[in-house]
Protein backbone atom coordinates (compact mmCIF):
# COMPACT_ATOMS: atom_id res chain seq x y z
CA UNK A 1 -25.44 156.45 -25.68
CA UNK A 2 -21.71 157.09 -25.93
CA UNK A 3 -19.29 157.38 -23.05
CA UNK A 4 -18.94 161.10 -23.80
CA UNK A 5 -22.72 161.57 -23.65
CA UNK A 6 -22.85 159.75 -20.32
CA UNK A 7 -20.02 161.94 -18.99
CA UNK A 8 -21.85 165.09 -20.10
CA UNK A 9 -25.06 163.96 -18.37
CA UNK A 10 -23.16 163.11 -15.18
CA UNK A 11 -21.40 166.48 -15.27
CA UNK A 12 -24.73 168.27 -15.70
CA UNK A 13 -26.23 166.34 -12.79
CA UNK A 14 -23.29 167.03 -10.46
CA UNK A 15 -23.20 170.72 -11.38
CA UNK A 16 -26.96 171.10 -10.84
CA UNK A 17 -27.42 168.96 -7.73
CA UNK A 18 -24.25 169.97 -5.89
CA UNK A 19 -24.20 173.64 -6.94
CA UNK A 20 -20.93 173.60 -8.87
CA UNK A 21 -20.39 177.00 -10.43
CA UNK A 22 -19.91 177.18 -14.20
CA UNK A 23 -16.87 179.36 -13.47
CA UNK A 24 -15.18 176.70 -11.29
CA UNK A 25 -12.00 176.05 -13.28
CA UNK A 26 -11.03 173.12 -11.03
CA UNK A 27 -14.13 171.11 -11.95
CA UNK A 28 -13.15 168.75 -14.77
CA UNK A 29 -14.04 165.24 -15.86
CA UNK A 30 -10.86 163.89 -14.25
CA UNK A 31 -11.17 165.63 -10.86
CA UNK A 32 -11.85 163.42 -7.83
CA UNK A 33 -15.46 164.28 -6.99
CA UNK A 34 -15.16 163.06 -3.41
CA UNK A 35 -11.63 164.06 -2.40
CA UNK A 36 -12.11 167.55 -3.82
CA UNK A 37 -15.45 168.01 -2.05
CA UNK A 38 -17.86 168.17 -4.95
CA UNK A 39 -19.90 165.18 -3.79
CA UNK A 40 -20.28 164.17 -0.14
CA UNK A 41 -21.32 160.86 1.38
CA UNK A 42 -25.03 161.69 1.12
CA UNK A 43 -24.47 162.82 -2.45
CA UNK A 44 -23.17 159.37 -3.40
CA UNK A 45 -26.65 157.99 -2.79
CA UNK A 46 -28.18 160.70 -4.98
CA UNK A 47 -25.59 160.07 -7.69
CA UNK A 48 -26.27 156.33 -7.65
CA UNK A 49 -30.02 156.90 -7.89
CA UNK A 50 -29.44 159.23 -10.85
CA UNK A 51 -27.25 156.67 -12.63
CA UNK A 52 -29.68 153.81 -12.03
CA UNK A 53 -32.71 155.82 -13.15
CA UNK A 54 -31.17 157.65 -16.08
CA UNK A 55 -29.08 154.86 -17.56
CA UNK A 56 -30.94 151.77 -16.30
CA UNK A 57 -27.82 150.30 -14.73
CA UNK A 58 -26.94 148.86 -11.38
CA UNK A 59 -23.41 149.67 -10.25
CA UNK A 60 -21.79 146.60 -8.68
CA UNK A 61 -20.14 147.10 -5.30
CA UNK A 62 -16.66 146.41 -6.69
CA UNK A 63 -17.09 149.32 -9.12
CA UNK A 64 -18.67 151.57 -6.52
CA UNK A 65 -15.60 151.23 -4.28
CA UNK A 66 -13.06 151.44 -7.10
CA UNK A 67 -10.88 154.48 -7.80
CA UNK A 68 -12.52 154.64 -11.22
CA UNK A 69 -15.84 155.68 -9.62
CA UNK A 70 -14.30 158.87 -8.23
CA UNK A 71 -14.24 160.85 -11.51
CA UNK A 72 -16.81 161.74 -14.13
CA UNK A 73 -14.69 160.00 -16.77
CA UNK A 74 -14.50 156.84 -14.65
CA UNK A 75 -18.21 156.87 -13.85
CA UNK A 76 -19.01 157.21 -17.56
CA UNK A 77 -16.74 154.25 -18.30
CA UNK A 78 -18.42 152.13 -15.62
CA UNK A 79 -21.94 153.06 -16.80
CA UNK A 80 -21.08 152.37 -20.44
CA UNK A 81 -19.52 149.02 -19.54
CA UNK A 82 -22.62 147.89 -17.64
CA UNK A 83 -25.04 149.10 -20.28
CA UNK A 84 -23.45 146.86 -22.92
């Protein structure tokens, strides 16, 4: 699975699970999911469970707390890196 495919799957999950409107022009792959209020602290747990189940990866703590983990693009990069 490519990084772009991972990003698309993460976007779909976030839109569906956190009720992000298709017409939300601010929601992009480079937006900070947490700072901009798309995913809350409880949602992080749901997001992690989705990533682990869907992509068969375990996100190390250093990646979980990195700035990279705050965007869809960054999450896709992390997932792709740990799937290799």
